[in-house]
Amino acid sequence: MTLRLIALLFCAAAVAAAQEPKQEKKEEKKKPERAKIDEAVTDFKLKDVMQDEEKFVTLSEFKDKKVVVLYFVSDKCSVTWKYEGRTGKLFEDFRKKDVVFLGIRSASNDTNEQIRKYCESKNFEIPVLADEKNVIADYYNVRFTPVYVVIDKKGILRYKGGMDDLQTAKTWNNDEAGVKTNYVRDALTAVLDGKDVTTKEFAGYG
């Protein structure tokens, strides 16, 4: 074997060795943390845009409540508008049952002022939290609005998705009278009754 060939083989081996750690590091890169159904969720601290003075809200401060519902909302979403009546009725019916509702504003084309004005106009008397960098939306893998997330008193994610079986690309604009299954109401009722939630996720549309 010639000295030139030996040198080339040595160089090739050195390059391969140098590349291996980089490949291993690439494989070791962790995927973003995601909330999982029937598992505990992580706490958060977000600014409440409905307050004149700066106020922050955490999920953990409601641990004494029976259920917490995160309501992902956008004032520029037609589906959110279509569902505002159903959402308001949901607040009204379950707030008296020790259920806390927290709005989440994570849409990049909404501002804190706009979402506050929208929620005030609909009499949604709930905290609305600014998810400025979409951290919470990413954690729950929320990609549209409205989305409803049901968390029980132990901090376990029990349901995530659209409100009812009409919230699809083809039927979201249909009359509410055509609803056969309201997944959010069923999930809340089940959790309050200490039962398992039948439908834990519904893709929904928005």
C-alpha atoms as a PDB file:
ATOM      1  CA  MET A   1       0.000   0.000   0.000  1.00  0.00           C
ATOM      2  CA  THR A   2       1.470   3.380  -0.922  1.00  0.00           C
ATOM      3  CA  LEU A   3       2.018   6.158   1.572  1.00  0.00           C
ATOM      4  CA  ARG A   4      -0.421   8.359  -0.384  1.00  0.00           C
ATOM      5  CA  LEU A   5      -3.189   5.754  -0.083  1.00  0.00           C
ATOM      6  CA  ILE A   6      -2.504   5.300   3.629  1.00  0.00           C
ATOM      7  CA  ALA A   7      -2.748   9.063   4.135  1.00  0.00           C
ATOM      8  CA  LEU A   8      -6.070   9.244   2.278  1.00  0.00           C
ATOM      9  CA  LEU A   9      -7.530   6.393   4.335  1.00  0.00           C
ATOM     10  CA  PHE A  10      -6.366   8.076   7.546  1.00  0.00           C
ATOM     11  CA  CYS A  11      -8.013  11.348   6.539  1.00  0.00           C
ATOM     12  CA  ALA A  12     -11.279   9.590   5.630  1.00  0.00           C
ATOM     13  CA  ALA A  13     -11.346   7.844   9.017  1.00  0.00           C
ATOM     14  CA  ALA A  14     -10.722  11.136  10.801  1.00  0.00           C
ATOM     15  CA  VAL A  15     -13.586  12.854   8.937  1.00  0.00           C
ATOM     16  CA  ALA A  16     -15.976   9.995   9.749  1.00  0.00           C
ATOM     17  CA  ALA A  17     -14.992  10.115  13.411  1.00  0.00           C
ATOM     18  CA  ALA A  18     -15.565  13.862  13.502  1.00  0.00           C
ATOM     19  CA  GLN A  19     -19.028  13.494  12.002  1.00  0.00           C
ATOM     20  CA  GLU A  20     -20.258  10.794  14.397  1.00  0.00           C
ATOM     21  CA  PRO A  21     -20.629  13.047  17.469  1.00  0.00           C
ATOM     22  CA  LYS A  22     -22.613  15.588  15.415  1.00  0.00           C
ATOM     23  CA  GLN A  23     -24.989  12.884  14.233  1.00  0.00           C
ATOM     24  CA  GLU A  24     -25.404  11.610  17.786  1.00  0.00           C
ATOM     25  CA  LYS A  25     -26.121  15.134  19.049  1.00  0.00           C
ATOM     26  CA  LYS A  26     -28.718  15.593  16.320  1.00  0.00           C
ATOM     27  CA  GLU A  27     -30.434  12.359  17.346  1.00  0.00           C
ATOM     28  CA  GLU A  28     -30.280  13.335  21.025  1.00  0.00           C
ATOM     29  CA  LYS A  29     -32.130  16.625  20.422  1.00  0.00           C
ATOM     30  CA  LYS A  30     -35.265  16.491  22.520  1.00  0.00           C
ATOM     31  CA  LYS A  31     -38.697  16.987  21.037  1.00  0.00           C
ATOM     32  CA  PRO A  32     -40.795  19.847  22.471  1.00  0.00           C
ATOM     33  CA  GLU A  33     -42.775  18.850  25.536  1.00  0.00           C
ATOM     34  CA  ARG A  34     -46.446  18.174  24.813  1.00  0.00           C
ATOM     35  CA  ALA A  35     -49.429  17.693  27.085  1.00  0.00           C
ATOM     36  CA  LYS A  36     -50.843  14.171  27.028  1.00  0.00           C
ATOM     37  CA  ILE A  37     -54.364  12.973  27.680  1.00  0.00           C
ATOM     38  CA  ASP A  38     -54.817  11.406  31.151  1.00  0.00           C
ATOM     39  CA  GLU A  39     -51.484  12.790  32.356  1.00  0.00           C
ATOM     40  CA  ALA A  40     -50.626  15.750  34.573  1.00  0.00           C
ATOM     41  CA  VAL A  41     -50.058  19.075  32.816  1.00  0.00           C
ATOM     42  CA  THR A  42     -47.421  21.682  33.618  1.00  0.00           C
ATOM     43  CA  ASP A  43     -48.125  24.970  35.359  1.00  0.00           C
ATOM     44  CA  PHE A  44     -47.966  28.352  33.615  1.00  0.00           C
ATOM     45  CA  LYS A  45     -47.921  32.043  34.459  1.00  0.00           C
ATOM     46  CA  LEU A  46     -49.501  34.450  31.968  1.00  0.00           C
ATOM     47  CA  LYS A  47     -50.685  38.041  31.965  1.00  0.00           C
ATOM     48  CA  ASP A  48     -54.436  38.658  32.218  1.00  0.00           C
ATOM     49  CA  VAL A  49     -55.277  41.134  29.449  1.00  0.00           C
ATOM     50  CA  MET A  50     -58.710  41.847  30.947  1.00  0.00           C
ATOM     51  CA  GLN A  51     -57.169  43.826  33.821  1.00  0.00           C
ATOM     52  CA  ASP A  52     -56.162  47.485  33.689  1.00  0.00           C
ATOM     53  CA  GLU A  53     -53.300  46.863  36.082  1.00  0.00           C
ATOM     54  CA  GLU A  54     -50.683  44.220  35.376  1.00  0.00           C
ATOM     55  CA  LYS A  55     -51.860  40.927  36.805  1.00  0.00           C
ATOM     56  CA  PHE A  56     -50.562  37.423  36.203  1.00  0.00           C
ATOM     57  CA  VAL A  57     -52.500  34.182  36.487  1.00  0.00           C
ATOM     58  CA  THR A  58     -51.154  30.685  37.126  1.00  0.00           C
ATOM     59  CA  LEU A  59     -52.889  27.388  36.531  1.00  0.00           C
ATOM     60  CA  SER A  60     -51.871  26.095  39.953  1.00  0.00           C
ATOM     61  CA  GLU A  61     -53.768  28.827  41.815  1.00  0.00           C
ATOM     62  CA  PHE A  62     -57.025  27.063  40.888  1.00  0.00           C
ATOM     63  CA  LYS A  63     -56.071  23.674  42.334  1.00  0.00           C
ATOM     64  CA  ASP A  64     -58.942  23.943  44.818  1.00  0.00           C
ATOM     65  CA  LYS A  65     -61.458  24.082  41.957  1.00  0.00           C
ATOM     66  CA  LYS A  66     -63.104  20.977  40.547  1.00  0.00           C
ATOM     67  CA  VAL A  67     -62.218  21.688  36.918  1.00  0.00           C
ATOM     68  CA  VAL A  68     -60.301  24.254  34.877  1.00  0.00           C
ATOM     69  CA  VAL A  69     -61.163  24.819  31.223  1.00  0.00           C
ATOM     70  CA  LEU A  70     -58.726  26.564  28.893  1.00  0.00           C
ATOM     71  CA  TYR A  71     -60.555  28.328  26.078  1.00  0.00           C
ATOM     72  CA  PHE A  72     -58.296  29.174  23.117  1.00  0.00           C
ATOM     73  CA  VAL A  73     -59.918  32.153  21.408  1.00  0.00           C
ATOM     74  CA  SER A  74     -59.354  34.554  18.516  1.00  0.00           C
ATOM     75  CA  ASP A  75     -61.523  37.550  17.720  1.00  0.00           C
ATOM     76  CA  LYS A  76     -60.726  37.167  13.998  1.00  0.00           C
ATOM     77  CA  CYS A  77     -61.909  33.564  13.690  1.00  0.00           C
ATOM     78  CA  SER A  78     -65.279  32.941  12.017  1.00  0.00           C
ATOM     79  CA  VAL A  79     -65.708  29.630  13.842  1.00  0.00           C
ATOM     80  CA  THR A  80     -65.075  31.335  17.184  1.00  0.00           C
ATOM     81  CA  TRP A  81     -67.778  33.841  16.291  1.00  0.00           C
ATOM     82  CA  LYS A  82     -70.189  31.073  15.312  1.00  0.00           C
ATOM     83  CA  TYR A  83     -69.586  29.326  18.623  1.00  0.00           C
ATOM     84  CA  GLU A  84     -69.673  32.388  20.882  1.00  0.00           C
ATOM     85  CA  GLY A  85     -73.273  31.764  21.944  1.00  0.00           C
ATOM     86  CA  ARG A  86     -72.565  28.134  22.810  1.00  0.00           C
ATOM     87  CA  THR A  87     -69.387  29.157  24.617  1.00  0.00           C
ATOM     88  CA  GLY A  88     -71.188  31.808  26.666  1.00  0.00           C
ATOM     89  CA  LYS A  89     -73.863  29.282  27.662  1.00  0.00           C
ATOM     90  CA  LEU A  90     -71.125  26.839  28.658  1.00  0.00           C
ATOM     91  CA  PHE A  91     -69.618  29.472  30.968  1.00  0.00           C
ATOM     92  CA  GLU A  92     -73.006  30.249  32.455  1.00  0.00           C
ATOM     93  CA  ASP A  93     -74.000  26.640  33.091  1.00  0.00           C
ATOM     94  CA  PHE A  94     -70.758  25.324  34.563  1.00  0.00           C
ATOM     95  CA  ARG A  95     -69.297  28.300  36.412  1.00  0.00           C
ATOM     96  CA  LYS A  96     -71.870  27.713  39.145  1.00  0.00           C
ATOM     97  CA  LYS A  97     -70.557  24.129  39.446  1.00  0.00           C
ATOM     98  CA  ASP A  98     -67.088  25.241  40.618  1.00  0.00           C
ATOM     99  CA  VAL A  99     -65.586  25.197  37.116  1.00  0.00           C
ATOM    100  CA  VAL A 100     -63.025  27.889  36.204  1.00  0.00           C
ATOM    101  CA  PHE A 101     -62.698  29.144  32.625  1.00  0.00           C
ATOM    102  CA  LEU A 102     -59.503  30.776  31.396  1.00  0.00           C
ATOM    103  CA  GLY A 103     -59.308  32.292  27.938  1.00  0.00           C
ATOM    104  CA  ILE A 104     -55.998  31.921  26.079  1.00  0.00           C
ATOM    105  CA  ARG A 105     -55.006  34.462  23.424  1.00  0.00           C
ATOM    106  CA  SER A 106     -52.231  32.952  21.317  1.00  0.00           C
ATOM    107  CA  ALA A 107     -53.121  33.940  17.739  1.00  0.00           C
ATOM    108  CA  SER A 108     -50.341  36.087  16.272  1.00  0.00           C
ATOM    109  CA  ASN A 109     -52.796  38.368  14.444  1.00  0.00           C
ATOM    110  CA  ASP A 110     -54.674  39.283  17.652  1.00  0.00           C
ATOM    111  CA  THR A 111     -53.605  41.954  20.100  1.00  0.00           C
ATOM    112  CA  ASN A 112     -54.328  42.091  23.811  1.00  0.00           C
ATOM    113  CA  GLU A 113     -56.534  45.145  23.277  1.00  0.00           C
ATOM    114  CA  GLN A 114     -58.533  43.500  20.487  1.00  0.00           C
ATOM    115  CA  ILE A 115     -59.172  40.266  22.350  1.00  0.00           C
ATOM    116  CA  ARG A 116     -60.180  42.194  25.471  1.00  0.00           C
ATOM    117  CA  LYS A 117     -62.662  44.284  23.491  1.00  0.00           C
ATOM    118  CA  TYR A 118     -64.091  41.135  21.874  1.00  0.00           C
ATOM    119  CA  CYS A 119     -64.553  39.267  25.170  1.00  0.00           C
ATOM    120  CA  GLU A 120     -66.077  42.307  26.862  1.00  0.00           C
ATOM    121  CA  SER A 121     -68.545  42.712  23.997  1.00  0.00           C
ATOM    122  CA  LYS A 122     -69.655  39.085  24.455  1.00  0.00           C
ATOM    123  CA  ASN A 123     -69.849  39.422  28.252  1.00  0.00           C
ATOM    124  CA  PHE A 124     -67.230  36.702  28.687  1.00  0.00           C
ATOM    125  CA  GLU A 125     -66.391  37.579  32.275  1.00  0.00           C
ATOM    126  CA  ILE A 126     -63.295  35.400  32.469  1.00  0.00           C
ATOM    127  CA  PRO A 127     -59.554  36.018  32.641  1.00  0.00           C
ATOM    128  CA  VAL A 128     -58.014  36.055  29.159  1.00  0.00           C
ATOM    129  CA  LEU A 129     -54.328  35.241  29.196  1.00  0.00           C
ATOM    130  CA  ALA A 130     -51.698  36.433  26.728  1.00  0.00           C
ATOM    131  CA  ASP A 131     -49.730  33.495  25.334  1.00  0.00           C
ATOM    132  CA  GLU A 132     -47.270  35.826  23.618  1.00  0.00           C
ATOM    133  CA  LYS A 133     -44.858  33.236  22.214  1.00  0.00           C
ATOM    134  CA  ASN A 134     -47.435  30.478  21.719  1.00  0.00           C
ATOM    135  CA  VAL A 135     -45.816  28.466  24.483  1.00  0.00           C
ATOM    136  CA  ILE A 136     -49.123  27.192  25.872  1.00  0.00           C
ATOM    137  CA  ALA A 137     -50.637  26.642  22.425  1.00  0.00           C
ATOM    138  CA  ASP A 138     -47.586  24.605  21.425  1.00  0.00           C
ATOM    139  CA  TYR A 139     -47.662  22.631  24.669  1.00  0.00           C
ATOM    140  CA  TYR A 140     -51.292  21.612  24.052  1.00  0.00           C
ATOM    141  CA  ASN A 141     -50.674  21.361  20.292  1.00  0.00           C
ATOM    142  CA  VAL A 142     -53.443  23.864  19.535  1.00  0.00           C
ATOM    143  CA  ARG A 143     -53.473  25.002  15.909  1.00  0.00           C
ATOM    144  CA  PHE A 144     -56.904  26.644  15.564  1.00  0.00           C
ATOM    145  CA  THR A 145     -59.693  28.292  17.540  1.00  0.00           C
ATOM    146  CA  PRO A 146     -61.877  27.706  19.366  1.00  0.00           C
ATOM    147  CA  VAL A 147     -60.297  24.833  21.294  1.00  0.00           C
ATOM    148  CA  TYR A 148     -61.355  23.715  24.757  1.00  0.00           C
ATOM    149  CA  VAL A 149     -59.029  21.959  27.204  1.00  0.00           C
ATOM    150  CA  VAL A 150     -60.499  20.278  30.295  1.00  0.00           C
ATOM    151  CA  ILE A 151     -58.202  19.767  33.292  1.00  0.00           C
ATOM    152  CA  ASP A 152     -59.446  18.065  36.465  1.00  0.00           C
ATOM    153  CA  LYS A 153     -58.679  19.062  40.084  1.00  0.00           C
ATOM    154  CA  LYS A 154     -55.608  16.808  40.130  1.00  0.00           C
ATOM    155  CA  GLY A 155     -54.143  18.657  37.159  1.00  0.00           C
ATOM    156  CA  ILE A 156     -54.848  15.804  34.751  1.00  0.00           C
ATOM    157  CA  LEU A 157     -55.736  16.581  31.138  1.00  0.00           C
ATOM    158  CA  ARG A 158     -59.085  14.935  30.530  1.00  0.00           C
ATOM    159  CA  TYR A 159     -60.228  16.416  27.189  1.00  0.00           C
ATOM    160  CA  LYS A 160     -58.898  18.549  24.353  1.00  0.00           C
ATOM    161  CA  GLY A 161     -60.504  19.691  21.107  1.00  0.00           C
ATOM    162  CA  GLY A 162     -63.562  21.251  19.540  1.00  0.00           C
ATOM    163  CA  MET A 163     -66.855  21.814  21.318  1.00  0.00           C
ATOM    164  CA  ASP A 164     -69.264  19.551  19.463  1.00  0.00           C
ATOM    165  CA  ASP A 165     -69.747  17.260  16.461  1.00  0.00           C
ATOM    166  CA  LEU A 166     -70.661  20.197  14.203  1.00  0.00           C
ATOM    167  CA  GLN A 167     -67.246  21.812  14.609  1.00  0.00           C
ATOM    168  CA  THR A 168     -65.856  20.352  11.387  1.00  0.00           C
ATOM    169  CA  ALA A 169     -64.752  21.871   8.087  1.00  0.00           C
ATOM    170  CA  LYS A 170     -68.071  20.943   6.457  1.00  0.00           C
ATOM    171  CA  THR A 171     -70.571  21.570   9.245  1.00  0.00           C
ATOM    172  CA  TRP A 172     -69.231  24.343  11.539  1.00  0.00           C
ATOM    173  CA  ASN A 173     -71.659  26.904  10.089  1.00  0.00           C
ATOM    174  CA  ASN A 174     -74.724  24.679  10.509  1.00  0.00           C
ATOM    175  CA  ASP A 175     -77.459  25.565  12.965  1.00  0.00           C
ATOM    176  CA  GLU A 176     -76.766  24.572  16.575  1.00  0.00           C
ATOM    177  CA  ALA A 177     -79.992  22.559  16.594  1.00  0.00           C
ATOM    178  CA  GLY A 178     -78.147  19.901  14.596  1.00  0.00           C
ATOM    179  CA  VAL A 179     -75.667  19.137  17.392  1.00  0.00           C
ATOM    180  CA  LYS A 180     -75.805  15.483  18.430  1.00  0.00           C
ATOM    181  CA  THR A 181     -72.824  15.351  20.770  1.00  0.00           C
ATOM    182  CA  ASN A 182     -71.307  18.187  22.795  1.00  0.00           C
ATOM    183  CA  TYR A 183     -67.894  16.817  23.709  1.00  0.00           C
ATOM    184  CA  VAL A 184     -66.954  19.601  26.124  1.00  0.00           C
ATOM    185  CA  ARG A 185     -70.183  19.398  28.095  1.00  0.00           C
ATOM    186  CA  ASP A 186     -69.945  15.599  28.220  1.00  0.00           C
ATOM    187  CA  ALA A 187     -66.334  15.795  29.420  1.00  0.00           C
ATOM    188  CA  LEU A 188     -67.179  18.335  32.125  1.00  0.00           C
ATOM    189  CA  THR A 189     -70.161  16.328  33.320  1.00  0.00           C
ATOM    190  CA  ALA A 190     -68.099  13.138  33.479  1.00  0.00           C
ATOM    191  CA  VAL A 191     -65.262  14.776  35.424  1.00  0.00           C
ATOM    192  CA  LEU A 192     -67.657  16.422  37.881  1.00  0.00           C
ATOM    193  CA  ASP A 193     -69.374  13.063  38.412  1.00  0.00           C
ATOM    194  CA  GLY A 194     -66.049  11.298  38.964  1.00  0.00           C
ATOM    195  CA  LYS A 195     -66.406   9.239  35.795  1.00  0.00           C
ATOM    196  CA  ASP A 196     -64.088   8.560  32.880  1.00  0.00           C
ATOM    197  CA  VAL A 197     -64.451  10.818  29.837  1.00  0.00           C
ATOM    198  CA  THR A 198     -65.788   8.841  26.881  1.00  0.00           C
ATOM    199  CA  THR A 199     -64.389  11.015  24.080  1.00  0.00           C
ATOM    200  CA  LYS A 200     -61.053  12.453  25.202  1.00  0.00           C
ATOM    201  CA  GLU A 201     -60.103  14.225  21.979  1.00  0.00           C
ATOM    202  CA  PHE A 202     -61.946  15.651  18.996  1.00  0.00           C
ATOM    203  CA  ALA A 203     -59.947  17.230  16.182  1.00  0.00           C
ATOM    204  CA  GLY A 204     -62.436  20.026  15.570  1.00  0.00           C
ATOM    205  CA  TYR A 205     -61.999  22.852  13.069  1.00  0.00           C
ATOM    206  CA  GLY A 206     -61.291  26.565  13.157  1.00  0.00           C
END
